[in-house]
C-alpha atoms as a PDB file:
ATOM      1  CA  MET A   1       8.328 136.426 143.463  1.00  0.00           C
ATOM      2  CA  ASP A   2      10.330 136.724 146.683  1.00  0.00           C
ATOM      3  CA  ARG A   3      11.627 140.321 147.134  1.00  0.00           C
ATOM      4  CA  THR A   4      15.112 139.174 148.214  1.00  0.00           C
ATOM      5  CA  PHE A   5      15.459 137.033 145.087  1.00  0.00           C
ATOM      6  CA  THR A   6      14.101 139.862 142.934  1.00  0.00           C
ATOM      7  CA  ASN A   7      16.659 142.315 144.322  1.00  0.00           C
ATOM      8  CA  PHE A   8      19.421 139.775 143.823  1.00  0.00           C
ATOM      9  CA  LEU A   9      18.379 139.128 140.228  1.00  0.00           C
ATOM     10  CA  ALA A  10      18.201 142.874 139.548  1.00  0.00           C
ATOM     11  CA  LEU A  11      21.686 143.373 140.949  1.00  0.00           C
ATOM     12  CA  VAL A  12      23.116 140.546 138.818  1.00  0.00           C
ATOM     13  CA  LEU A  13      21.520 142.013 135.691  1.00  0.00           C
ATOM     14  CA  ALA A  14      22.755 145.477 136.587  1.00  0.00           C
ATOM     15  CA  VAL A  15      26.325 144.273 136.972  1.00  0.00           C
ATOM     16  CA  PHE A  16      26.093 142.370 133.659  1.00  0.00           C
ATOM     17  CA  LEU A  17      24.670 145.410 131.842  1.00  0.00           C
ATOM     18  CA  GLY A  18      26.936 147.950 133.536  1.00  0.00           C
ATOM     19  CA  ILE A  19      24.106 149.791 135.266  1.00  0.00           C
ATOM     20  CA  THR A  20      24.697 151.685 138.533  1.00  0.00           C
ATOM     21  CA  VAL A  21      22.375 150.409 141.263  1.00  0.00           C
ATOM     22  CA  ASP A  22      21.582 152.276 144.481  1.00  0.00           C
ATOM     23  CA  VAL A  23      21.942 149.438 146.982  1.00  0.00           C
ATOM     24  CA  THR A  24      21.379 151.787 149.905  1.00  0.00           C
ATOM     25  CA  ALA A  25      17.985 152.680 148.513  1.00  0.00           C
ATOM     26  CA  GLN A  26      17.131 148.976 148.306  1.00  0.00           C
ATOM     27  CA  ARG A  27      18.224 148.518 151.896  1.00  0.00           C
ATOM     28  CA  ARG A  28      15.832 151.262 152.968  1.00  0.00           C
ATOM     29  CA  GLY A  29      12.990 149.688 151.026  1.00  0.00           C
ATOM     30  CA  THR A  30      12.912 152.077 148.046  1.00  0.00           C
ATOM     31  CA  ASN A  31      13.481 151.490 144.365  1.00  0.00           C
ATOM     32  CA  GLY A  32      16.211 154.115 143.883  1.00  0.00           C
ATOM     33  CA  THR A  33      13.806 156.647 142.346  1.00  0.00           C
ATOM     34  CA  GLY A  34      11.397 157.005 145.211  1.00  0.00           C
ATOM     35  CA  ASN A  35      11.424 157.059 149.009  1.00  0.00           C
ATOM     36  CA  ALA A  36       9.785 154.537 151.316  1.00  0.00           C
ATOM     37  CA  ASN A  37       6.424 156.270 150.790  1.00  0.00           C
ATOM     38  CA  GLY A  38       6.659 155.971 147.034  1.00  0.00           C
ATOM     39  CA  ASN A  39       7.414 159.661 146.422  1.00  0.00           C
ATOM     40  CA  LYS A  40       9.735 160.446 143.536  1.00  0.00           C
ATOM     41  CA  VAL A  41      13.246 161.547 144.468  1.00  0.00           C
ATOM     42  CA  ALA A  42      16.363 162.001 142.383  1.00  0.00           C
ATOM     43  CA  ALA A  43      18.504 158.901 141.961  1.00  0.00           C
ATOM     44  CA  PRO A  44      21.962 159.338 143.503  1.00  0.00           C
ATOM     45  CA  ALA A  45      24.780 160.121 141.123  1.00  0.00           C
ATOM     46  CA  PRO A  46      27.534 157.499 140.847  1.00  0.00           C
ATOM     47  CA  LEU A  47      30.419 158.261 143.176  1.00  0.00           C
ATOM     48  CA  LYS A  48      33.641 159.303 141.511  1.00  0.00           C
ATOM     49  CA  VAL A  49      36.454 157.642 143.433  1.00  0.00           C
ATOM     50  CA  THR A  50      39.860 158.900 142.322  1.00  0.00           C
ATOM     51  CA  LEU A  51      42.076 156.443 144.203  1.00  0.00           C
ATOM     52  CA  PRO A  52      44.206 154.180 141.972  1.00  0.00           C
ATOM     53  CA  LEU A  53      43.236 150.728 143.349  1.00  0.00           C
ATOM     54  CA  LYS A  54      46.736 149.361 142.963  1.00  0.00           C
ATOM     55  CA  LYS A  55      47.495 145.692 143.422  1.00  0.00           C
ATOM     56  CA  ASP A  56      48.198 144.638 147.025  1.00  0.00           C
ATOM     57  CA  SER A  57      47.544 148.129 148.377  1.00  0.00           C
ATOM     58  CA  VAL A  58      46.179 148.770 151.894  1.00  0.00           C
ATOM     59  CA  ARG A  59      42.729 150.390 151.687  1.00  0.00           C
ATOM     60  CA  PHE A  60      40.778 151.828 154.590  1.00  0.00           C
ATOM     61  CA  VAL A  61      38.432 154.580 155.753  1.00  0.00           C
ATOM     62  CA  LEU A  62      38.902 157.231 158.425  1.00  0.00           C
ATOM     63  CA  ILE A  63      35.822 158.460 160.242  1.00  0.00           C
ATOM     64  CA  GLY A  64      35.335 160.108 163.629  1.00  0.00           C
ATOM     65  CA  ASP A  65      32.829 161.426 166.156  1.00  0.00           C
ATOM     66  CA  THR A  66      30.164 159.185 164.709  1.00  0.00           C
ATOM     67  CA  GLY A  67      27.985 157.876 167.501  1.00  0.00           C
ATOM     68  CA  THR A  68      24.806 159.951 167.278  1.00  0.00           C
ATOM     69  CA  GLY A  69      22.335 157.607 165.628  1.00  0.00           C
ATOM     70  CA  THR A  70      20.910 160.545 163.653  1.00  0.00           C
ATOM     71  CA  ASP A  71      19.626 160.603 160.086  1.00  0.00           C
ATOM     72  CA  GLN A  72      22.739 162.570 159.120  1.00  0.00           C
ATOM     73  CA  GLN A  73      25.024 159.856 160.425  1.00  0.00           C
ATOM     74  CA  GLN A  74      22.952 157.296 158.524  1.00  0.00           C
ATOM     75  CA  GLN A  75      23.193 159.313 155.310  1.00  0.00           C
ATOM     76  CA  LEU A  76      26.970 159.439 155.598  1.00  0.00           C
ATOM     77  CA  ALA A  77      27.046 155.703 156.316  1.00  0.00           C
ATOM     78  CA  ASP A  78      24.953 155.072 153.195  1.00  0.00           C
ATOM     79  CA  LEU A  79      27.501 157.041 151.178  1.00  0.00           C
ATOM     80  CA  LEU A  80      30.284 155.027 152.786  1.00  0.00           C
ATOM     81  CA  LEU A  81      28.556 151.842 151.642  1.00  0.00           C
ATOM     82  CA  ARG A  82      28.184 153.210 148.108  1.00  0.00           C
ATOM     83  CA  SER A  83      31.855 154.180 148.018  1.00  0.00           C
ATOM     84  CA  ARG A  84      32.844 150.589 148.710  1.00  0.00           C
ATOM     85  CA  GLN A  85      31.384 149.567 145.349  1.00  0.00           C
ATOM     86  CA  SER A  86      34.147 151.575 143.648  1.00  0.00           C
ATOM     87  CA  PHE A  87      36.759 151.417 146.405  1.00  0.00           C
ATOM     88  CA  PRO A  88      36.690 148.032 148.181  1.00  0.00           C
ATOM     89  CA  PHE A  89      38.270 149.098 151.464  1.00  0.00           C
ATOM     90  CA  GLU A  90      39.207 146.465 154.030  1.00  0.00           C
ATOM     91  CA  PHE A  91      38.559 148.233 157.336  1.00  0.00           C
ATOM     92  CA  VAL A  92      37.483 151.464 159.029  1.00  0.00           C
ATOM     93  CA  LEU A  93      39.433 153.489 161.608  1.00  0.00           C
ATOM     94  CA  MET A  94      37.260 155.266 164.186  1.00  0.00           C
ATOM     95  CA  VAL A  95      39.000 158.123 166.007  1.00  0.00           C
ATOM     96  CA  GLY A  96      36.740 158.365 169.032  1.00  0.00           C
ATOM     97  CA  ASP A  97      33.410 159.598 170.330  1.00  0.00           C
ATOM     98  CA  ASN A  98      31.988 156.362 169.023  1.00  0.00           C
ATOM     99  CA  LEU A  99      28.860 156.657 171.199  1.00  0.00           C
ATOM    100  CA  TYR A 100      27.345 159.891 172.453  1.00  0.00           C
ATOM    101  CA  GLY A 101      25.045 159.803 175.479  1.00  0.00           C
ATOM    102  CA  GLY A 102      24.081 156.396 176.878  1.00  0.00           C
ATOM    103  CA  GLU A 103      26.069 153.238 176.279  1.00  0.00           C
ATOM    104  CA  LYS A 104      23.466 150.573 176.960  1.00  0.00           C
ATOM    105  CA  PRO A 105      23.102 147.648 174.549  1.00  0.00           C
ATOM    106  CA  ALA A 106      20.350 149.589 172.754  1.00  0.00           C
ATOM    107  CA  ASP A 107      22.789 152.462 172.183  1.00  0.00           C
ATOM    108  CA  TYR A 108      25.394 150.202 170.610  1.00  0.00           C
ATOM    109  CA  LYS A 109      22.664 148.916 168.321  1.00  0.00           C
ATOM    110  CA  SER A 110      21.082 152.233 167.301  1.00  0.00           C
ATOM    111  CA  LYS A 111      24.268 154.333 167.096  1.00  0.00           C
ATOM    112  CA  PHE A 112      26.578 151.766 165.514  1.00  0.00           C
ATOM    113  CA  GLU A 113      25.189 148.374 164.508  1.00  0.00           C
ATOM    114  CA  ASP A 114      22.035 149.578 162.753  1.00  0.00           C
ATOM    115  CA  VAL A 115      23.960 152.355 161.001  1.00  0.00           C
ATOM    116  CA  TYR A 116      26.839 150.237 159.690  1.00  0.00           C
ATOM    117  CA  ARG A 117      25.108 146.841 159.461  1.00  0.00           C
ATOM    118  CA  PRO A 118      25.657 146.382 155.681  1.00  0.00           C
ATOM    119  CA  LEU A 119      29.407 146.899 156.121  1.00  0.00           C
ATOM    120  CA  ILE A 120      29.533 144.601 159.141  1.00  0.00           C
ATOM    121  CA  ASP A 121      27.716 141.963 157.099  1.00  0.00           C
ATOM    122  CA  GLN A 122      30.374 142.364 154.389  1.00  0.00           C
ATOM    123  CA  GLN A 123      33.035 141.501 157.000  1.00  0.00           C
ATOM    124  CA  VAL A 124      34.457 145.028 157.089  1.00  0.00           C
ATOM    125  CA  LYS A 125      36.298 145.498 160.380  1.00  0.00           C
ATOM    126  CA  PHE A 126      36.041 148.628 162.515  1.00  0.00           C
ATOM    127  CA  TYR A 127      39.033 149.544 164.697  1.00  0.00           C
ATOM    128  CA  ALA A 128      38.139 152.092 167.377  1.00  0.00           C
ATOM    129  CA  ALA A 129      40.028 154.537 169.559  1.00  0.00           C
ATOM    130  CA  LEU A 130      38.412 156.080 172.635  1.00  0.00           C
ATOM    131  CA  GLY A 131      37.186 159.675 172.671  1.00  0.00           C
ATOM    132  CA  ASN A 132      36.295 161.935 175.580  1.00  0.00           C
ATOM    133  CA  HIS A 133      32.602 160.949 175.289  1.00  0.00           C
ATOM    134  CA  ASP A 134      33.400 157.218 175.374  1.00  0.00           C
ATOM    135  CA  GLU A 135      33.393 154.834 178.322  1.00  0.00           C
ATOM    136  CA  PRO A 136      36.472 152.591 178.691  1.00  0.00           C
ATOM    137  CA  ALA A 137      34.160 149.549 178.605  1.00  0.00           C
ATOM    138  CA  GLN A 138      33.893 150.034 174.840  1.00  0.00           C
ATOM    139  CA  ARG A 139      37.182 148.179 174.580  1.00  0.00           C
ATOM    140  CA  PHE A 140      35.266 144.931 175.178  1.00  0.00           C
ATOM    141  CA  TYR A 141      32.741 145.494 172.379  1.00  0.00           C
ATOM    142  CA  GLU A 142      33.379 142.917 169.663  1.00  0.00           C
ATOM    143  CA  HIS A 143      32.770 145.183 166.676  1.00  0.00           C
ATOM    144  CA  PHE A 144      35.330 147.768 167.822  1.00  0.00           C
ATOM    145  CA  ASN A 145      38.109 145.124 167.685  1.00  0.00           C
ATOM    146  CA  MET A 146      40.022 146.560 170.637  1.00  0.00           C
ATOM    147  CA  GLU A 147      40.379 143.132 172.292  1.00  0.00           C
ATOM    148  CA  GLY A 148      39.937 144.597 175.756  1.00  0.00           C
ATOM    149  CA  LYS A 149      42.737 147.159 175.358  1.00  0.00           C
ATOM    150  CA  GLU A 150      42.525 150.950 175.578  1.00  0.00           C
ATOM    151  CA  TYR A 151      45.517 151.201 173.242  1.00  0.00           C
ATOM    152  CA  TYR A 152      46.763 148.610 170.797  1.00  0.00           C
ATOM    153  CA  ARG A 153      48.595 147.919 167.537  1.00  0.00           C
ATOM    154  CA  PHE A 154      47.680 146.003 164.402  1.00  0.00           C
ATOM    155  CA  THR A 155      49.162 145.646 160.934  1.00  0.00           C
ATOM    156  CA  SER A 156      47.891 145.417 157.383  1.00  0.00           C
ATOM    157  CA  GLY A 157      50.352 144.819 154.581  1.00  0.00           C
ATOM    158  CA  ASN A 158      53.310 147.169 154.965  1.00  0.00           C
ATOM    159  CA  VAL A 159      51.463 149.445 157.430  1.00  0.00           C
ATOM    160  CA  ALA A 160      51.436 149.381 161.245  1.00  0.00           C
ATOM    161  CA  PHE A 161      48.527 151.135 162.989  1.00  0.00           C
ATOM    162  CA  TYR A 162      48.696 152.427 166.563  1.00  0.00           C
ATOM    163  CA  ALA A 163      45.404 153.157 168.322  1.00  0.00           C
ATOM    164  CA  LEU A 164      46.019 155.372 171.358  1.00  0.00           C
ATOM    165  CA  ASN A 165      43.863 156.570 174.246  1.00  0.00           C
ATOM    166  CA  SER A 166      44.492 160.307 174.191  1.00  0.00           C
ATOM    167  CA  ASN A 167      42.203 160.814 177.207  1.00  0.00           C
ATOM    168  CA  TYR A 168      44.869 159.428 179.561  1.00  0.00           C
ATOM    169  CA  MET A 169      48.344 159.487 178.071  1.00  0.00           C
ATOM    170  CA  ASP A 170      49.937 158.062 181.213  1.00  0.00           C
ATOM    171  CA  LYS A 171      53.434 156.656 181.665  1.00  0.00           C
ATOM    172  CA  LYS A 172      52.327 153.072 181.082  1.00  0.00           C
ATOM    173  CA  GLN A 173      50.893 153.927 177.679  1.00  0.00           C
ATOM    174  CA  VAL A 174      53.867 156.126 176.749  1.00  0.00           C
ATOM    175  CA  ASP A 175      56.309 153.350 177.676  1.00  0.00           C
ATOM    176  CA  TRP A 176      54.294 150.862 175.616  1.00  0.00           C
ATOM    177  CA  LEU A 177      54.273 153.201 172.618  1.00  0.00           C
ATOM    178  CA  GLN A 178      58.030 153.791 172.866  1.00  0.00           C
ATOM    179  CA  SER A 179      58.728 150.082 173.122  1.00  0.00           C
ATOM    180  CA  GLU A 180      56.453 149.052 170.239  1.00  0.00           C
ATOM    181  CA  LEU A 181      57.698 151.745 167.870  1.00  0.00           C
ATOM    182  CA  ALA A 182      61.343 151.055 168.677  1.00  0.00           C
ATOM    183  CA  LYS A 183      61.077 147.482 167.365  1.00  0.00           C
ATOM    184  CA  ASP A 184      58.673 148.235 164.498  1.00  0.00           C
ATOM    185  CA  ARG A 185      60.177 147.709 161.041  1.00  0.00           C
ATOM    186  CA  SER A 186      57.003 148.477 159.081  1.00  0.00           C
ATOM    187  CA  GLU A 187      57.404 150.737 156.055  1.00  0.00           C
ATOM    188  CA  TRP A 188      54.494 152.926 157.199  1.00  0.00           C
ATOM    189  CA  LYS A 189      53.585 153.799 160.789  1.00  0.00           C
ATOM    190  CA  ILE A 190      50.226 155.450 161.426  1.00  0.00           C
ATOM    191  CA  ALA A 191      48.897 156.606 164.803  1.00  0.00           C
ATOM    192  CA  PHE A 192      45.197 157.282 165.314  1.00  0.00           C
ATOM    193  CA  PHE A 193      43.449 158.721 168.368  1.00  0.00           C
ATOM    194  CA  HIS A 194      40.885 161.330 169.370  1.00  0.00           C
ATOM    195  CA  HIS A 195      42.463 164.666 170.334  1.00  0.00           C
ATOM    196  CA  PRO A 196      44.417 166.492 167.576  1.00  0.00           C
ATOM    197  CA  PRO A 197      47.943 167.684 168.410  1.00  0.00           C
ATOM    198  CA  TYR A 198      47.459 170.320 165.702  1.00  0.00           C
ATOM    199  CA  SER A 199      44.139 171.950 164.837  1.00  0.00           C
ATOM    200  CA  SER A 200      42.715 175.196 163.492  1.00  0.00           C
ATOM    201  CA  GLY A 201      39.419 174.698 165.305  1.00  0.00           C
ATOM    202  CA  GLY A 202      37.855 177.628 167.126  1.00  0.00           C
ATOM    203  CA  LYS A 203      36.044 175.406 169.646  1.00  0.00           C
ATOM    204  CA  HIS A 204      39.022 173.283 170.726  1.00  0.00           C
ATOM    205  CA  GLY A 205      42.181 173.960 168.739  1.00  0.00           C
ATOM    206  CA  SER A 206      45.514 172.172 169.104  1.00  0.00           C
ATOM    207  CA  ASP A 207      45.986 169.917 172.117  1.00  0.00           C
ATOM    208  CA  THR A 208      49.425 171.237 172.986  1.00  0.00           C
ATOM    209  CA  SER A 209      49.756 169.187 176.192  1.00  0.00           C
ATOM    210  CA  LEU A 210      49.246 165.972 174.242  1.00  0.00           C
ATOM    211  CA  ARG A 211      51.579 167.213 171.529  1.00  0.00           C
ATOM    212  CA  LYS A 212      54.436 167.714 173.992  1.00  0.00           C
ATOM    213  CA  VAL A 213      54.168 164.070 175.007  1.00  0.00           C
ATOM    214  CA  VAL A 214      53.623 162.248 171.711  1.00  0.00           C
ATOM    215  CA  GLU A 215      55.292 164.362 169.043  1.00  0.00           C
ATOM    216  CA  PRO A 216      58.904 163.690 170.168  1.00  0.00           C
ATOM    217  CA  ILE A 217      58.105 159.969 170.150  1.00  0.00           C
ATOM    218  CA  PHE A 218      56.570 160.179 166.684  1.00  0.00           C
ATOM    219  CA  VAL A 219      59.573 162.071 165.327  1.00  0.00           C
ATOM    220  CA  GLN A 220      62.113 159.782 166.988  1.00  0.00           C
ATOM    221  CA  HIS A 221      60.515 156.617 165.630  1.00  0.00           C
ATOM    222  CA  ASN A 222      59.566 157.857 162.155  1.00  0.00           C
ATOM    223  CA  VAL A 223      55.784 157.843 162.443  1.00  0.00           C
ATOM    224  CA  ASN A 224      54.493 158.895 159.040  1.00  0.00           C
ATOM    225  CA  VAL A 225      50.865 159.876 159.602  1.00  0.00           C
ATOM    226  CA  VAL A 226      48.728 160.973 162.579  1.00  0.00           C
ATOM    227  CA  LEU A 227      44.919 160.753 162.362  1.00  0.00           C
ATOM    228  CA  ALA A 228      42.593 162.439 164.872  1.00  0.00           C
ATOM    229  CA  GLY A 229      38.999 163.576 165.455  1.00  0.00           C
ATOM    230  CA  HIS A 230      37.396 165.648 168.244  1.00  0.00           C
ATOM    231  CA  GLU A 231      36.920 168.653 165.978  1.00  0.00           C
ATOM    232  CA  HIS A 232      33.671 168.239 164.029  1.00  0.00           C
ATOM    233  CA  PHE A 233      35.158 169.070 160.647  1.00  0.00           C
ATOM    234  CA  TYR A 234      37.874 167.911 158.264  1.00  0.00           C
ATOM    235  CA  GLU A 235      41.355 169.412 158.202  1.00  0.00           C
ATOM    236  CA  ARG A 236      44.628 168.463 156.567  1.00  0.00           C
ATOM    237  CA  ILE A 237      47.462 170.094 158.454  1.00  0.00           C
ATOM    238  CA  LYS A 238      50.627 171.311 156.759  1.00  0.00           C
ATOM    239  CA  PRO A 239      53.408 168.799 157.576  1.00  0.00           C
ATOM    240  CA  GLN A 240      54.790 169.323 161.071  1.00  0.00           C
ATOM    241  CA  LYS A 241      58.342 168.112 161.717  1.00  0.00           C
ATOM    242  CA  GLY A 242      58.007 165.814 158.722  1.00  0.00           C
ATOM    243  CA  ILE A 243      54.716 164.215 159.859  1.00  0.00           C
ATOM    244  CA  PHE A 244      51.357 164.348 158.053  1.00  0.00           C
ATOM    245  CA  TYR A 245      48.410 165.215 160.342  1.00  0.00           C
ATOM    246  CA  PHE A 246      44.718 164.842 159.480  1.00  0.00           C
ATOM    247  CA  ILE A 247      41.495 165.566 161.394  1.00  0.00           C
ATOM    248  CA  SER A 248      38.316 163.737 160.413  1.00  0.00           C
ATOM    249  CA  GLY A 249      35.723 164.396 163.113  1.00  0.00           C
ATOM    250  CA  ALA A 250      32.565 165.034 161.122  1.00  0.00           C
ATOM    251  CA  GLY A 251      31.195 161.500 160.928  1.00  0.00           C
ATOM    252  CA  GLY A 252      28.156 162.133 163.102  1.00  0.00           C
ATOM    253  CA  LYS A 253      28.291 165.784 164.086  1.00  0.00           C
ATOM    254  CA  LEU A 254      29.239 169.023 162.355  1.00  0.00           C
ATOM    255  CA  ARG A 255      30.589 172.289 163.738  1.00  0.00           C
ATOM    256  CA  ARG A 256      29.951 174.477 160.730  1.00  0.00           C
ATOM    257  CA  GLY A 257      32.340 177.387 160.195  1.00  0.00           C
ATOM    258  CA  ASP A 258      34.625 176.418 163.076  1.00  0.00           C
ATOM    259  CA  VAL A 259      37.901 176.334 161.149  1.00  0.00           C
ATOM    260  CA  LYS A 260      39.801 179.568 161.747  1.00  0.00           C
ATOM    261  CA  LYS A 261      40.216 181.484 158.524  1.00  0.00           C
ATOM    262  CA  GLY A 262      43.793 182.083 157.489  1.00  0.00           C
ATOM    263  CA  SER A 263      45.242 179.590 159.967  1.00  0.00           C
ATOM    264  CA  PRO A 264      48.927 178.940 159.215  1.00  0.00           C
ATOM    265  CA  LEU A 265      48.347 175.259 160.029  1.00  0.00           C
ATOM    266  CA  THR A 266      45.753 174.557 157.343  1.00  0.00           C
ATOM    267  CA  ALA A 267      46.672 172.911 154.061  1.00  0.00           C
ATOM    268  CA  LYS A 268      42.986 172.157 153.357  1.00  0.00           C
ATOM    269  CA  ALA A 269      39.844 172.262 155.509  1.00  0.00           C
ATOM    270  CA  TYR A 270      36.120 171.639 155.131  1.00  0.00           C
ATOM    271  CA  ASP A 271      33.529 172.505 157.763  1.00  0.00           C
ATOM    272  CA  GLN A 272      30.328 172.905 155.720  1.00  0.00           C
ATOM    273  CA  ASP A 273      29.042 169.329 155.921  1.00  0.00           C
ATOM    274  CA  MET A 274      29.848 165.950 157.398  1.00  0.00           C
ATOM    275  CA  SER A 275      32.586 163.905 155.751  1.00  0.00           C
ATOM    276  CA  PHE A 276      34.871 160.876 155.798  1.00  0.00           C
ATOM    277  CA  MET A 277      38.238 160.018 154.300  1.00  0.00           C
ATOM    278  CA  LEU A 278      39.223 157.188 151.943  1.00  0.00           C
ATOM    279  CA  VAL A 279      42.881 156.120 152.085  1.00  0.00           C
ATOM    280  CA  GLU A 280      45.013 153.813 149.952  1.00  0.00           C
ATOM    281  CA  ILE A 281      48.655 153.024 150.679  1.00  0.00           C
ATOM    282  CA  SER A 282      50.774 151.453 147.987  1.00  0.00           C
ATOM    283  CA  LYS A 283      54.521 151.061 148.415  1.00  0.00           C
ATOM    284  CA  ASP A 284      55.898 154.573 149.075  1.00  0.00           C
ATOM    285  CA  SER A 285      52.702 156.533 148.380  1.00  0.00           C
ATOM    286  CA  MET A 286      49.579 157.348 150.374  1.00  0.00           C
ATOM    287  CA  TYR A 287      46.555 158.362 148.300  1.00  0.00           C
ATOM    288  CA  PHE A 288      43.540 159.985 149.945  1.00  0.00           C
ATOM    289  CA  GLN A 289      40.126 161.343 149.027  1.00  0.00           C
ATOM    290  CA  VAL A 290      37.668 163.117 151.334  1.00  0.00           C
ATOM    291  CA  LEU A 291      33.948 162.923 150.554  1.00  0.00           C
ATOM    292  CA  SER A 292      31.173 165.090 151.968  1.00  0.00           C
ATOM    293  CA  ARG A 293      27.687 163.822 152.834  1.00  0.00           C
ATOM    294  CA  THR A 294      26.515 164.806 149.331  1.00  0.00           C
ATOM    295  CA  GLY A 295      29.295 162.836 147.618  1.00  0.00           C
ATOM    296  CA  GLN A 296      31.395 165.906 146.814  1.00  0.00           C
ATOM    297  CA  THR A 297      35.181 165.470 146.845  1.00  0.00           C
ATOM    298  CA  VAL A 298      36.443 168.184 149.193  1.00  0.00           C
ATOM    299  CA  ASP A 299      40.101 167.165 149.264  1.00  0.00           C
ATOM    300  CA  SER A 300      42.330 164.594 147.587  1.00  0.00           C
ATOM    301  CA  GLY A 301      45.957 163.974 146.840  1.00  0.00           C
ATOM    302  CA  VAL A 302      48.976 161.733 147.204  1.00  0.00           C
ATOM    303  CA  LEU A 303      51.696 161.951 149.841  1.00  0.00           C
ATOM    304  CA  PRO A 304      55.153 160.328 149.767  1.00  0.00           C
ATOM    305  CA  ARG A 305      56.567 158.132 152.484  1.00  0.00           C
ATOM    306  CA  GLN A 306      58.806 160.767 154.028  1.00  0.00           C
ATOM    307  CA  GLN A 307      61.826 158.848 155.288  1.00  0.00           C
ATOM    308  CA  SER A 308      64.296 161.051 153.422  1.00  0.00           C
ATOM    309  CA  GLN A 309      62.538 164.227 154.560  1.00  0.00           C
ATOM    310  CA  ARG A 310      62.566 163.205 158.227  1.00  0.00           C
ATOM    311  CA  ALA A 311      66.333 163.415 158.533  1.00  0.00           C
ATOM    312  CA  ALA A 312      66.228 167.091 157.568  1.00  0.00           C
ATOM    313  CA  VAL A 313      63.919 168.086 160.434  1.00  0.00           C
ATOM    314  CA  GLN A 314      65.623 166.163 163.230  1.00  0.00           C
END
């Protein structure tokens, strides 16, 4: 019997019987209990996704510093695929360093397309921002959905997303950001880019020069959430001037132990393994869950849309 048809039939039966199937193992040519060489390995435990899956919510993933093409990146991508079975997210935000090293067609294939092919085939969109290891020509790559722009805006439901190029925050980009935010009536405004305005990282730390430029704009125009990478770990920053800041830069690399202990900025941090962040926005609430490469939940919670709080900090 044809293997494709056999796998399809098995999946249909599994869904009907309520059995958890490891589709990533099938994609790699294993049966879920053994590797490609036939050796026995433990079947992966079902992922426990805690997000509420509310009707008409906006669901997406945050992942950064991905473009290595390593087995570790692939393992995290496999987990991302598994998570979509329980949490059918619509798109993925990439906060820079999308390709490390060369950027030839073979690099786009090995460091992005091959890694995330199952999600691409499921019509999941990836929206990229440029990192310091990225060439500006990435803006023309179809799967990054930048439409030839180094900074851009898109919307989903009641949320407006602003992808910025934090490598060169010049006057033209600042003027564009001011203009777009000033006329934006979206209930949620989220900015995503590479360098973190606030960070407890020992290697890099807060980008204070960038902060001086963008933070007054974010405060003035009621930006709710700022998402960044660059640091190869996860960190949720304590609210700064009424804004929620997150770092998710462990999608392809890890800087173990780099978060400064006892940092006054840290609400929660994880630097022991690679990770990504699941996000769901429904009305006035933002739910989030951060998963490590082993499927462990390392942070989760719900945050309110902070319009009433913003007035107190201005």
